[in-house]
Amino acid sequence: MMLLLRRRINELAALAAMDDLTKSLNSREVKRRLAQEVSRSKRQNTQFCFILIDIDALKATNDTYGYTAGDDLLREFAQLAKSKLRLPDVFGRYRQGDEFAILALDTDSVGARIITERLRSEIAGYHFYAAAKRLNFKITFSAGVAAFDNTKDSIDTIEKHAELALGAAKRTKNSVAIYDVSLESDARKSANVLPEPTET
């Protein structure tokens, strides 16, 4: 009886950690795993990288073909991405929409870039099908990679660093950017650009 109860509890916990659409980890579970990895890195001096992925032009797909087609793409993308990653790595939805995250464990920024570039190449060369396989798509993604520095970083800083790197990658699309401190000044410059006045 206790064994059955324990199994049922584990099944419910697994369901609670899953994103309904993509059957990958949901955002809450990704952030929980990120917190665990931050704690492990500080205790054991381990390396890891946080990678944010944004599918390019998914909004255009939704606008042109409808959200059913967009959802089909997200599902197939998630399944393909999970199959191409290493077993220890963590993959899941980062936010609702077209953003996903990878925790590349025991990996520095060089290794994480190799992992992400390999996945980017696989995705760019794959034919995605949607809307009961009536539509055939080629898609790409942009990705930002941030390595965790356990001497000074926190959950907030590594998320911020990955966001900044993702923003840099999205400027060219279908690319991977690695966080470095110069992205901080680039972001400040962008924030201080005022719109041109218009004549009335």
Protein backbone atom coordinates (compact mmCIF):
# COMPACT_ATOMS: atom_id res chain seq x y z
CA MET A 1 0.00 0.00 0.00
CA MET A 2 2.75 2.44 0.97
CA LEU A 3 4.67 1.60 -2.21
CA LEU A 4 1.62 2.38 -4.35
CA LEU A 5 1.04 5.63 -2.48
CA ARG A 6 4.68 6.68 -2.91
CA ARG A 7 4.50 5.87 -6.61
CA ARG A 8 1.33 7.93 -6.98
CA ILE A 9 2.93 10.89 -5.17
CA ASN A 10 5.93 10.69 -7.52
CA GLU A 11 3.65 10.58 -10.55
CA LEU A 12 1.75 13.66 -9.37
CA ALA A 13 5.02 15.51 -8.69
CA ALA A 14 6.24 14.70 -12.22
CA LEU A 15 2.98 15.97 -13.70
CA ALA A 16 3.19 19.19 -11.66
CA ALA A 17 6.68 19.83 -13.08
CA MET A 18 5.59 19.34 -16.70
CA ASP A 19 4.51 21.94 -19.26
CA ASP A 20 1.17 20.81 -20.65
CA LEU A 21 1.84 21.83 -24.25
CA THR A 22 5.43 20.72 -24.86
CA LYS A 23 5.72 17.91 -22.28
CA SER A 24 9.02 19.40 -21.19
CA LEU A 25 9.71 20.92 -17.78
CA ASN A 26 7.62 23.99 -16.99
CA SER A 27 9.04 27.38 -16.06
CA ARG A 28 8.54 26.88 -12.32
CA GLU A 29 10.47 23.60 -12.40
CA VAL A 30 13.27 25.07 -14.53
CA LYS A 31 13.69 27.86 -11.98
CA ARG A 32 13.67 25.34 -9.13
CA ARG A 33 16.41 23.33 -10.87
CA LEU A 34 18.34 26.53 -11.51
CA ALA A 35 18.21 27.35 -7.78
CA GLN A 36 19.43 23.83 -6.98
CA GLU A 37 22.34 24.16 -9.40
CA VAL A 38 23.32 27.57 -8.01
CA SER A 39 23.42 26.05 -4.52
CA ARG A 40 25.41 23.01 -5.71
CA SER A 41 27.91 25.20 -7.56
CA LYS A 42 28.57 27.31 -4.48
CA ARG A 43 28.92 24.24 -2.21
CA GLN A 44 30.95 22.00 -4.50
CA ASN A 45 32.65 24.55 -6.79
CA THR A 46 31.03 23.05 -9.90
CA GLN A 47 30.51 24.76 -13.25
CA PHE A 48 27.30 25.20 -15.19
CA CYS A 49 25.79 27.47 -17.82
CA PHE A 50 22.30 28.86 -18.20
CA ILE A 51 21.11 29.08 -21.82
CA LEU A 52 18.02 30.95 -23.00
CA ILE A 53 16.48 30.12 -26.38
CA ASP A 54 13.97 32.18 -28.33
CA ILE A 55 12.41 30.73 -31.50
CA ASP A 56 12.76 33.24 -34.32
CA ALA A 57 9.58 34.54 -35.97
CA LEU A 58 7.11 32.31 -34.13
CA LYS A 59 4.72 35.25 -33.90
CA ALA A 60 4.66 35.47 -37.72
CA THR A 61 3.77 31.77 -37.88
CA ASN A 62 0.94 32.27 -35.39
CA ASP A 63 -0.33 35.35 -37.26
CA THR A 64 -0.20 33.66 -40.67
CA TYR A 65 -1.25 30.08 -39.93
CA GLY A 66 -2.93 30.29 -36.53
CA TYR A 67 -1.99 29.27 -33.00
CA THR A 68 -2.63 25.58 -33.65
CA ALA A 69 0.27 25.55 -36.12
CA GLY A 70 2.43 27.51 -33.67
CA ASP A 71 1.63 25.06 -30.87
CA ASP A 72 2.52 22.13 -33.13
CA LEU A 73 5.89 23.74 -33.82
CA LEU A 74 6.56 24.30 -30.12
CA ARG A 75 5.75 20.68 -29.32
CA GLU A 76 7.98 19.29 -32.05
CA PHE A 77 10.77 21.74 -31.26
CA ALA A 78 10.77 20.73 -27.59
CA GLN A 79 10.84 17.01 -28.39
CA LEU A 80 13.68 17.41 -30.89
CA ALA A 81 15.71 19.69 -28.60
CA LYS A 82 15.42 17.26 -25.66
CA SER A 83 16.56 14.37 -27.85
CA LYS A 84 19.72 16.24 -28.94
CA LEU A 85 20.95 17.29 -25.50
CA ARG A 86 23.17 15.37 -23.11
CA LEU A 87 21.44 13.23 -20.50
CA PRO A 88 22.48 15.35 -17.47
CA ASP A 89 21.31 18.63 -19.04
CA VAL A 90 18.01 20.21 -18.01
CA PHE A 91 15.60 21.49 -20.68
CA GLY A 92 12.26 23.21 -20.30
CA ARG A 93 9.97 26.10 -20.99
CA TYR A 94 11.30 29.35 -19.56
CA ARG A 95 8.24 31.47 -20.15
CA GLN A 96 4.92 30.97 -21.83
CA GLY A 97 5.48 31.64 -25.51
CA ASP A 98 8.57 30.83 -27.50
CA GLU A 99 11.31 30.91 -24.85
CA PHE A 100 13.04 27.79 -23.54
CA ALA A 101 15.97 27.25 -21.18
CA ILE A 102 18.80 24.77 -20.87
CA LEU A 103 20.93 24.12 -17.81
CA ALA A 104 24.20 22.76 -19.18
CA LEU A 105 25.67 21.02 -16.15
CA ASP A 106 29.39 20.69 -15.36
CA THR A 107 30.13 22.82 -18.41
CA ASP A 108 31.95 26.09 -19.02
CA SER A 109 30.96 28.72 -21.60
CA VAL A 110 33.06 27.09 -24.34
CA GLY A 111 31.35 23.74 -23.87
CA ALA A 112 27.93 25.38 -23.59
CA ARG A 113 28.50 27.24 -26.84
CA ILE A 114 29.36 23.97 -28.59
CA ILE A 115 26.18 22.35 -27.22
CA THR A 116 24.03 25.31 -28.28
CA GLU A 117 25.59 25.72 -31.72
CA ARG A 118 25.14 22.01 -32.40
CA LEU A 119 21.46 22.26 -31.43
CA ARG A 120 21.02 25.44 -33.50
CA SER A 121 22.42 23.68 -36.56
CA GLU A 122 20.19 20.63 -36.02
CA ILE A 123 17.07 22.78 -35.69
CA ALA A 124 17.91 24.94 -38.73
CA GLY A 125 18.26 21.83 -40.90
CA TYR A 126 15.10 20.08 -39.71
CA HIS A 127 11.69 20.06 -41.42
CA PHE A 128 8.90 20.77 -38.95
CA TYR A 129 5.33 19.77 -39.66
CA ALA A 130 2.20 21.39 -38.30
CA ALA A 131 -1.59 21.48 -38.70
CA ALA A 132 -2.00 17.71 -39.14
CA LYS A 133 1.18 17.67 -41.27
CA ARG A 134 -0.33 19.88 -43.95
CA LEU A 135 2.30 22.58 -43.32
CA ASN A 136 6.05 22.14 -43.59
CA PHE A 137 8.34 24.68 -41.88
CA LYS A 138 12.01 25.46 -41.43
CA ILE A 139 12.66 27.42 -38.24
CA THR A 140 15.65 28.90 -36.43
CA PHE A 141 16.36 30.15 -32.95
CA SER A 142 18.50 32.70 -31.15
CA ALA A 143 20.25 31.80 -27.90
CA GLY A 144 22.08 33.52 -25.06
CA VAL A 145 24.63 31.65 -22.95
CA ALA A 146 25.73 32.71 -19.45
CA ALA A 147 28.31 30.89 -17.34
CA PHE A 148 27.75 30.90 -13.58
CA ASP A 149 30.51 32.46 -11.48
CA ASN A 150 30.07 30.93 -8.04
CA THR A 151 32.26 33.57 -6.39
CA LYS A 152 29.80 36.40 -7.06
CA ASP A 153 26.76 35.40 -9.14
CA SER A 154 23.23 34.67 -7.93
CA ILE A 155 20.09 33.33 -9.58
CA ASP A 156 19.11 36.88 -10.50
CA THR A 157 22.46 37.74 -12.06
CA ILE A 158 22.76 34.61 -14.19
CA GLU A 159 19.21 35.07 -15.47
CA LYS A 160 20.02 38.69 -16.28
CA HIS A 161 23.26 37.71 -18.03
CA ALA A 162 21.50 35.08 -20.16
CA GLU A 163 18.79 37.62 -21.04
CA LEU A 164 21.41 40.15 -22.17
CA ALA A 165 23.19 37.54 -24.29
CA LEU A 166 19.86 36.46 -25.80
CA GLY A 167 19.09 40.07 -26.67
CA ALA A 168 22.42 40.32 -28.50
CA ALA A 169 21.72 37.09 -30.42
CA LYS A 170 18.23 38.24 -31.41
CA ARG A 171 19.66 41.29 -33.16
CA THR A 172 21.03 39.00 -35.88
CA LYS A 173 18.76 35.94 -35.32
CA ASN A 174 19.71 32.30 -35.90
CA SER A 175 22.78 32.86 -33.73
CA VAL A 176 24.32 32.17 -30.33
CA ALA A 177 25.79 34.90 -28.10
CA ILE A 178 27.90 34.45 -24.97
CA TYR A 179 27.49 36.89 -22.09
CA ASP A 180 30.34 39.26 -21.36
CA VAL A 181 30.42 42.50 -19.42
CA SER A 182 30.34 44.66 -22.58
CA LEU A 183 26.70 43.65 -23.04
CA GLU A 184 25.86 45.60 -19.87
CA SER A 185 27.04 48.88 -21.39
CA ASP A 186 25.32 48.06 -24.70
CA ALA A 187 22.04 47.58 -22.83
CA ARG A 188 22.46 50.88 -20.96
CA LYS A 189 23.16 52.71 -24.21
CA SER A 190 20.03 51.23 -25.79
CA ALA A 191 17.95 52.21 -22.77
CA ASN A 192 19.19 55.81 -22.99
CA VAL A 193 18.32 56.26 -26.68
CA LEU A 194 15.40 58.67 -26.88
CA PRO A 195 12.91 58.55 -29.76
CA GLU A 196 13.29 61.19 -32.45
CA PRO A 197 10.76 64.04 -32.02
CA THR A 198 8.04 64.24 -34.64
CA GLU A 199 6.57 67.39 -36.09
CA THR A 200 2.97 68.17 -35.27
